[in-house]
């Protein structure tokens, strides 16, 4: 009987949850997202994406080997931008990530296969 989830399972689950949240906040629309007078939507999207890509970055080598359609370099690149450039994150870039890249990535993650190892 399995009593605990692997690190990859936990990180994958977190990534999926945060991507779903970012996409949901993005559905408020482009006008709301880019309204600098009310930055809440941008901040929510950016924060959820940051958490999602941090969780993805923590997935082990075995996960990415098992799921070669996930571009690990792009995951790292987005995580780097969101985590280390947070004060200067380009709204247009984040909008493109949440409206174009995140939905595609979410579909792939929902079909992702976990490696057999208990943890990485």
N, C-alpha and C. Protein backbone atom coordinates (compact mmCIF):
# COMPACT_ATOMS: atom_id res chain seq x y z
N UNK A 1 0.84 -1.17 0.00
CA UNK A 1 0.00 0.00 0.00
C UNK A 1 0.89 1.25 0.00
N UNK A 2 0.56 2.17 -0.83
CA UNK A 2 1.33 3.40 -0.95
C UNK A 2 0.78 4.42 0.04
N UNK A 3 1.66 4.97 0.86
CA UNK A 3 1.20 5.87 1.90
C UNK A 3 1.51 7.34 1.64
N UNK A 4 2.50 7.61 0.79
CA UNK A 4 2.84 9.00 0.54
C UNK A 4 3.10 9.22 -0.94
N UNK A 5 2.93 10.45 -1.36
CA UNK A 5 3.16 10.79 -2.76
C UNK A 5 4.62 11.15 -2.96
N UNK A 6 5.12 10.88 -4.15
CA UNK A 6 6.49 11.21 -4.47
C UNK A 6 6.65 12.72 -4.61
N UNK A 7 7.87 13.17 -4.56
CA UNK A 7 8.17 14.59 -4.76
C UNK A 7 7.67 15.05 -6.11
N UNK A 8 7.86 14.23 -7.14
CA UNK A 8 7.37 14.61 -8.47
C UNK A 8 5.86 14.74 -8.49
N UNK A 9 5.16 13.85 -7.83
CA UNK A 9 3.69 13.94 -7.78
C UNK A 9 3.25 15.24 -7.13
N UNK A 10 3.87 15.59 -6.04
CA UNK A 10 3.52 16.81 -5.31
C UNK A 10 3.81 18.03 -6.18
N UNK A 11 4.99 18.09 -6.77
CA UNK A 11 5.35 19.25 -7.59
C UNK A 11 4.49 19.35 -8.84
N UNK A 12 4.18 18.23 -9.46
CA UNK A 12 3.30 18.24 -10.63
C UNK A 12 1.91 18.73 -10.24
N UNK A 13 1.40 18.24 -9.14
CA UNK A 13 0.08 18.67 -8.68
C UNK A 13 0.05 20.18 -8.39
N UNK A 14 1.07 20.66 -7.74
CA UNK A 14 1.16 22.10 -7.44
C UNK A 14 1.23 22.92 -8.73
N UNK A 15 2.06 22.46 -9.67
CA UNK A 15 2.20 23.18 -10.94
C UNK A 15 0.86 23.26 -11.66
N UNK A 16 0.15 22.16 -11.72
CA UNK A 16 -1.16 22.13 -12.38
C UNK A 16 -2.13 23.08 -11.68
N UNK A 17 -2.19 23.03 -10.36
CA UNK A 17 -3.10 23.91 -9.61
C UNK A 17 -2.78 25.38 -9.85
N UNK A 18 -1.51 25.74 -9.83
CA UNK A 18 -1.13 27.14 -10.02
C UNK A 18 -1.32 27.59 -11.47
N UNK A 19 -1.07 26.71 -12.43
CA UNK A 19 -1.35 27.07 -13.82
C UNK A 19 -2.84 27.29 -14.03
N UNK A 20 -3.66 26.42 -13.47
CA UNK A 20 -5.12 26.61 -13.58
C UNK A 20 -5.56 27.94 -13.00
N UNK A 21 -5.01 28.29 -11.84
CA UNK A 21 -5.36 29.56 -11.20
C UNK A 21 -4.92 30.74 -12.06
N UNK A 22 -3.71 30.70 -12.59
CA UNK A 22 -3.21 31.79 -13.44
C UNK A 22 -4.10 31.96 -14.66
N UNK A 23 -4.45 30.86 -15.30
CA UNK A 23 -5.31 30.90 -16.48
C UNK A 23 -6.67 31.46 -16.12
N UNK A 24 -7.20 31.03 -14.99
CA UNK A 24 -8.51 31.53 -14.53
C UNK A 24 -8.47 33.04 -14.32
N UNK A 25 -7.43 33.55 -13.66
CA UNK A 25 -7.31 34.99 -13.46
C UNK A 25 -7.14 35.71 -14.80
N UNK A 26 -6.46 35.07 -15.73
CA UNK A 26 -6.27 35.67 -17.06
C UNK A 26 -7.57 35.81 -17.84
N UNK A 27 -8.55 34.98 -17.51
CA UNK A 27 -9.83 35.06 -18.23
C UNK A 27 -10.63 36.31 -17.86
N UNK A 28 -10.13 37.08 -16.92
CA UNK A 28 -10.78 38.36 -16.61
C UNK A 28 -10.69 39.31 -17.80
N UNK A 29 -9.75 39.02 -18.68
CA UNK A 29 -9.64 39.76 -19.92
C UNK A 29 -8.44 40.67 -19.99
N UNK A 30 -8.10 40.99 -21.22
CA UNK A 30 -6.91 41.79 -21.50
C UNK A 30 -7.03 43.20 -20.93
N UNK A 31 -8.20 43.82 -21.05
CA UNK A 31 -8.38 45.19 -20.56
C UNK A 31 -8.17 45.26 -19.04
N UNK A 32 -8.72 44.31 -18.33
CA UNK A 32 -8.57 44.27 -16.87
C UNK A 32 -7.12 43.97 -16.51
N UNK A 33 -6.53 43.02 -17.21
CA UNK A 33 -5.15 42.62 -16.94
C UNK A 33 -4.18 43.80 -17.10
N UNK A 34 -4.36 44.59 -18.15
CA UNK A 34 -3.43 45.69 -18.43
C UNK A 34 -3.81 47.01 -17.76
N UNK A 35 -4.87 47.03 -16.96
CA UNK A 35 -5.28 48.25 -16.26
C UNK A 35 -4.32 48.51 -15.09
N UNK A 36 -3.39 49.43 -15.29
CA UNK A 36 -2.39 49.71 -14.26
C UNK A 36 -2.97 50.40 -13.03
N UNK A 37 -4.16 50.96 -13.16
CA UNK A 37 -4.82 51.59 -12.01
C UNK A 37 -5.29 50.52 -11.01
N UNK A 38 -5.52 49.33 -11.52
CA UNK A 38 -5.95 48.21 -10.68
C UNK A 38 -5.07 47.01 -11.04
N UNK A 39 -3.90 46.92 -10.41
CA UNK A 39 -2.92 45.90 -10.81
C UNK A 39 -3.21 44.50 -10.28
N UNK A 40 -4.33 44.31 -9.61
CA UNK A 40 -4.60 43.02 -8.95
C UNK A 40 -4.51 41.83 -9.90
N UNK A 41 -5.14 41.92 -11.06
CA UNK A 41 -5.17 40.77 -11.96
C UNK A 41 -3.76 40.43 -12.44
N UNK A 42 -2.99 41.41 -12.84
CA UNK A 42 -1.61 41.14 -13.26
C UNK A 42 -0.84 40.48 -12.13
N UNK A 43 -0.95 41.02 -10.92
CA UNK A 43 -0.21 40.47 -9.78
C UNK A 43 -0.64 39.04 -9.46
N UNK A 44 -1.93 38.76 -9.58
CA UNK A 44 -2.42 37.40 -9.33
C UNK A 44 -1.89 36.43 -10.39
N UNK A 45 -1.99 36.83 -11.66
CA UNK A 45 -1.49 35.98 -12.74
C UNK A 45 0.00 35.73 -12.58
N UNK A 46 0.75 36.79 -12.38
CA UNK A 46 2.20 36.68 -12.26
C UNK A 46 2.59 35.80 -11.07
N UNK A 47 1.92 35.98 -9.95
CA UNK A 47 2.21 35.18 -8.76
C UNK A 47 1.91 33.71 -8.95
N UNK A 48 0.80 33.40 -9.56
CA UNK A 48 0.44 31.99 -9.80
C UNK A 48 1.38 31.35 -10.80
N UNK A 49 1.75 32.10 -11.84
CA UNK A 49 2.71 31.56 -12.80
C UNK A 49 4.06 31.31 -12.13
N UNK A 50 4.48 32.23 -11.28
CA UNK A 50 5.76 32.06 -10.59
C UNK A 50 5.75 30.78 -9.77
N UNK A 51 4.68 30.54 -9.04
CA UNK A 51 4.57 29.33 -8.23
C UNK A 51 4.53 28.08 -9.11
N UNK A 52 3.81 28.16 -10.23
CA UNK A 52 3.71 27.01 -11.14
C UNK A 52 5.08 26.65 -11.70
N UNK A 53 5.79 27.65 -12.18
CA UNK A 53 7.08 27.37 -12.81
C UNK A 53 8.15 27.01 -11.78
N UNK A 54 8.01 27.47 -10.56
CA UNK A 54 8.92 27.02 -9.50
C UNK A 54 8.67 25.54 -9.22
N UNK A 55 7.41 25.15 -9.16
CA UNK A 55 7.09 23.73 -8.95
C UNK A 55 7.59 22.88 -10.11
N UNK A 56 7.42 23.35 -11.33
CA UNK A 56 7.91 22.62 -12.50
C UNK A 56 9.42 22.49 -12.47
N UNK A 57 10.08 23.54 -12.06
CA UNK A 57 11.54 23.54 -11.99
C UNK A 57 12.05 22.49 -10.99
N UNK A 58 11.23 22.16 -10.02
CA UNK A 58 11.62 21.20 -8.99
C UNK A 58 11.37 19.74 -9.38
N UNK A 59 10.74 19.54 -10.54
CA UNK A 59 10.54 18.18 -11.01
C UNK A 59 11.90 17.58 -11.35
N UNK A 60 12.06 16.33 -11.06
CA UNK A 60 13.35 15.69 -11.26
C UNK A 60 13.65 15.34 -12.70
N UNK A 61 14.91 15.00 -12.95
CA UNK A 61 15.37 14.60 -14.28
C UNK A 61 14.51 13.47 -14.84
N UNK A 62 14.18 12.51 -13.98
CA UNK A 62 13.41 11.35 -14.44
C UNK A 62 12.04 11.77 -14.98
N UNK A 63 11.45 12.81 -14.41
CA UNK A 63 10.16 13.29 -14.91
C UNK A 63 10.31 13.82 -16.33
N UNK A 64 11.31 14.66 -16.55
CA UNK A 64 11.50 15.25 -17.88
C UNK A 64 11.92 14.21 -18.91
N UNK A 65 12.65 13.20 -18.50
CA UNK A 65 13.00 12.11 -19.41
C UNK A 65 11.76 11.33 -19.82
N UNK A 66 10.85 11.18 -18.89
CA UNK A 66 9.61 10.44 -19.16
C UNK A 66 8.63 11.28 -19.98
N UNK A 67 8.80 12.60 -19.98
CA UNK A 67 7.90 13.53 -20.67
C UNK A 67 8.69 14.49 -21.55
N UNK A 68 9.26 13.97 -22.64
CA UNK A 68 10.16 14.79 -23.46
C UNK A 68 9.48 15.94 -24.20
N UNK A 69 8.17 15.97 -24.26
CA UNK A 69 7.49 17.09 -24.94
C UNK A 69 7.46 18.35 -24.08
N UNK A 70 7.83 18.23 -22.82
CA UNK A 70 7.90 19.40 -21.95
C UNK A 70 9.29 20.01 -22.09
N UNK A 71 9.33 21.25 -22.52
CA UNK A 71 10.59 21.94 -22.78
C UNK A 71 11.17 22.44 -21.46
N UNK A 72 12.08 21.64 -20.91
CA UNK A 72 12.67 21.97 -19.61
C UNK A 72 13.43 23.29 -19.65
N UNK A 73 14.08 23.57 -20.75
CA UNK A 73 14.80 24.84 -20.87
C UNK A 73 13.84 26.03 -20.79
N UNK A 74 12.69 25.90 -21.46
CA UNK A 74 11.71 26.99 -21.43
C UNK A 74 11.13 27.14 -20.03
N UNK A 75 10.88 26.04 -19.36
CA UNK A 75 10.40 26.09 -17.97
C UNK A 75 11.39 26.88 -17.12
N UNK A 76 12.67 26.56 -17.25
CA UNK A 76 13.70 27.26 -16.49
C UNK A 76 13.80 28.73 -16.85
N UNK A 77 13.67 29.02 -18.13
CA UNK A 77 13.74 30.40 -18.60
C UNK A 77 12.60 31.24 -18.01
N UNK A 78 11.38 30.72 -18.08
CA UNK A 78 10.23 31.45 -17.54
C UNK A 78 10.36 31.60 -16.03
N UNK A 79 10.76 30.54 -15.36
CA UNK A 79 10.95 30.61 -13.91
C UNK A 79 11.98 31.68 -13.56
N UNK A 80 13.06 31.71 -14.30
CA UNK A 80 14.12 32.70 -14.06
C UNK A 80 13.57 34.12 -14.19
N UNK A 81 12.82 34.37 -15.22
CA UNK A 81 12.25 35.70 -15.44
C UNK A 81 11.30 36.07 -14.31
N UNK A 82 10.40 35.17 -13.97
CA UNK A 82 9.38 35.47 -12.95
C UNK A 82 9.96 35.56 -11.55
N UNK A 83 10.99 34.78 -11.28
CA UNK A 83 11.55 34.75 -9.93
C UNK A 83 12.59 35.83 -9.70
N UNK A 84 13.44 36.05 -10.67
CA UNK A 84 14.55 36.97 -10.45
C UNK A 84 14.37 38.35 -11.05
N UNK A 85 13.43 38.48 -11.97
CA UNK A 85 13.17 39.78 -12.58
C UNK A 85 11.82 40.34 -12.13
N UNK A 86 11.30 39.86 -11.00
CA UNK A 86 9.92 40.16 -10.59
C UNK A 86 9.62 41.65 -10.53
N UNK A 87 10.58 42.48 -10.21
CA UNK A 87 10.32 43.92 -10.12
C UNK A 87 10.16 44.53 -11.51
N UNK A 88 10.72 43.88 -12.52
CA UNK A 88 10.70 44.41 -13.88
C UNK A 88 10.05 43.46 -14.87
N UNK A 89 9.17 42.59 -14.41
CA UNK A 89 8.55 41.63 -15.32
C UNK A 89 7.67 42.38 -16.31
N UNK A 90 7.85 42.06 -17.57
CA UNK A 90 7.11 42.67 -18.67
C UNK A 90 5.68 42.13 -18.70
N UNK A 91 4.71 43.00 -18.55
CA UNK A 91 3.30 42.58 -18.56
C UNK A 91 2.92 41.85 -19.83
N UNK A 92 3.44 42.33 -20.97
CA UNK A 92 3.10 41.68 -22.24
C UNK A 92 3.63 40.25 -22.29
N UNK A 93 4.84 40.07 -21.79
CA UNK A 93 5.42 38.73 -21.75
C UNK A 93 4.56 37.80 -20.88
N UNK A 94 4.18 38.27 -19.72
CA UNK A 94 3.36 37.45 -18.81
C UNK A 94 2.00 37.16 -19.44
N UNK A 95 1.43 38.16 -20.13
CA UNK A 95 0.14 37.95 -20.81
C UNK A 95 0.28 36.85 -21.87
N UNK A 96 1.36 36.89 -22.63
CA UNK A 96 1.58 35.85 -23.65
C UNK A 96 1.77 34.48 -23.02
N UNK A 97 2.46 34.45 -21.90
CA UNK A 97 2.65 33.17 -21.21
C UNK A 97 1.31 32.62 -20.73
N UNK A 98 0.51 33.46 -20.08
CA UNK A 98 -0.73 32.96 -19.49
C UNK A 98 -1.80 32.64 -20.55
N UNK A 99 -1.77 33.34 -21.67
CA UNK A 99 -2.82 33.09 -22.68
C UNK A 99 -2.40 32.10 -23.76
N UNK A 100 -1.10 31.96 -23.99
CA UNK A 100 -0.66 31.07 -25.06
C UNK A 100 0.09 29.84 -24.54
N UNK A 101 1.12 30.06 -23.74
CA UNK A 101 1.96 28.94 -23.31
C UNK A 101 1.33 28.12 -22.18
N UNK A 102 0.76 28.79 -21.19
CA UNK A 102 0.23 28.07 -20.02
C UNK A 102 -0.88 27.09 -20.38
N UNK A 103 -1.85 27.46 -21.23
CA UNK A 103 -2.89 26.47 -21.57
C UNK A 103 -2.33 25.24 -22.27
N UNK A 104 -1.38 25.44 -23.18
CA UNK A 104 -0.76 24.30 -23.87
C UNK A 104 0.01 23.43 -22.88
N UNK A 105 0.77 24.08 -22.02
CA UNK A 105 1.55 23.34 -21.02
C UNK A 105 0.63 22.59 -20.07
N UNK A 106 -0.45 23.20 -19.67
CA UNK A 106 -1.40 22.54 -18.76
C UNK A 106 -1.95 21.27 -19.41
N UNK A 107 -2.32 21.33 -20.68
CA UNK A 107 -2.83 20.13 -21.37
C UNK A 107 -1.78 19.01 -21.37
N UNK A 108 -0.52 19.38 -21.59
CA UNK A 108 0.55 18.38 -21.58
C UNK A 108 0.74 17.80 -20.19
N UNK A 109 0.73 18.68 -19.18
CA UNK A 109 0.93 18.21 -17.79
C UNK A 109 -0.20 17.29 -17.33
N UNK A 110 -1.40 17.53 -17.80
CA UNK A 110 -2.52 16.68 -17.40
C UNK A 110 -2.40 15.26 -17.97
N UNK A 111 -1.57 15.12 -19.01
CA UNK A 111 -1.31 13.79 -19.60
C UNK A 111 0.07 13.25 -19.22
N UNK A 112 0.79 13.99 -18.41
CA UNK A 112 2.17 13.62 -18.07
C UNK A 112 2.22 12.29 -17.34
N UNK A 113 3.32 11.60 -17.57
CA UNK A 113 3.55 10.32 -16.92
C UNK A 113 4.60 10.50 -15.85
N UNK A 114 4.33 9.97 -14.70
CA UNK A 114 5.29 10.03 -13.60
C UNK A 114 6.26 8.86 -13.68
N UNK A 115 7.52 9.10 -13.36
CA UNK A 115 8.48 7.99 -13.34
C UNK A 115 8.13 7.01 -12.22
N UNK A 116 8.64 5.82 -12.31
CA UNK A 116 8.35 4.77 -11.32
C UNK A 116 8.96 5.04 -9.96
N UNK A 117 10.04 5.80 -9.90
CA UNK A 117 10.70 6.05 -8.63
C UNK A 117 9.73 6.68 -7.62
N UNK A 118 9.93 6.36 -6.37
CA UNK A 118 9.11 6.96 -5.31
C UNK A 118 9.41 8.43 -5.15
N UNK A 119 10.66 8.81 -5.36
CA UNK A 119 11.05 10.22 -5.27
C UNK A 119 12.30 10.45 -6.10
N UNK A 120 12.62 11.70 -6.31
CA UNK A 120 13.80 12.06 -7.11
C UNK A 120 14.83 12.70 -6.25
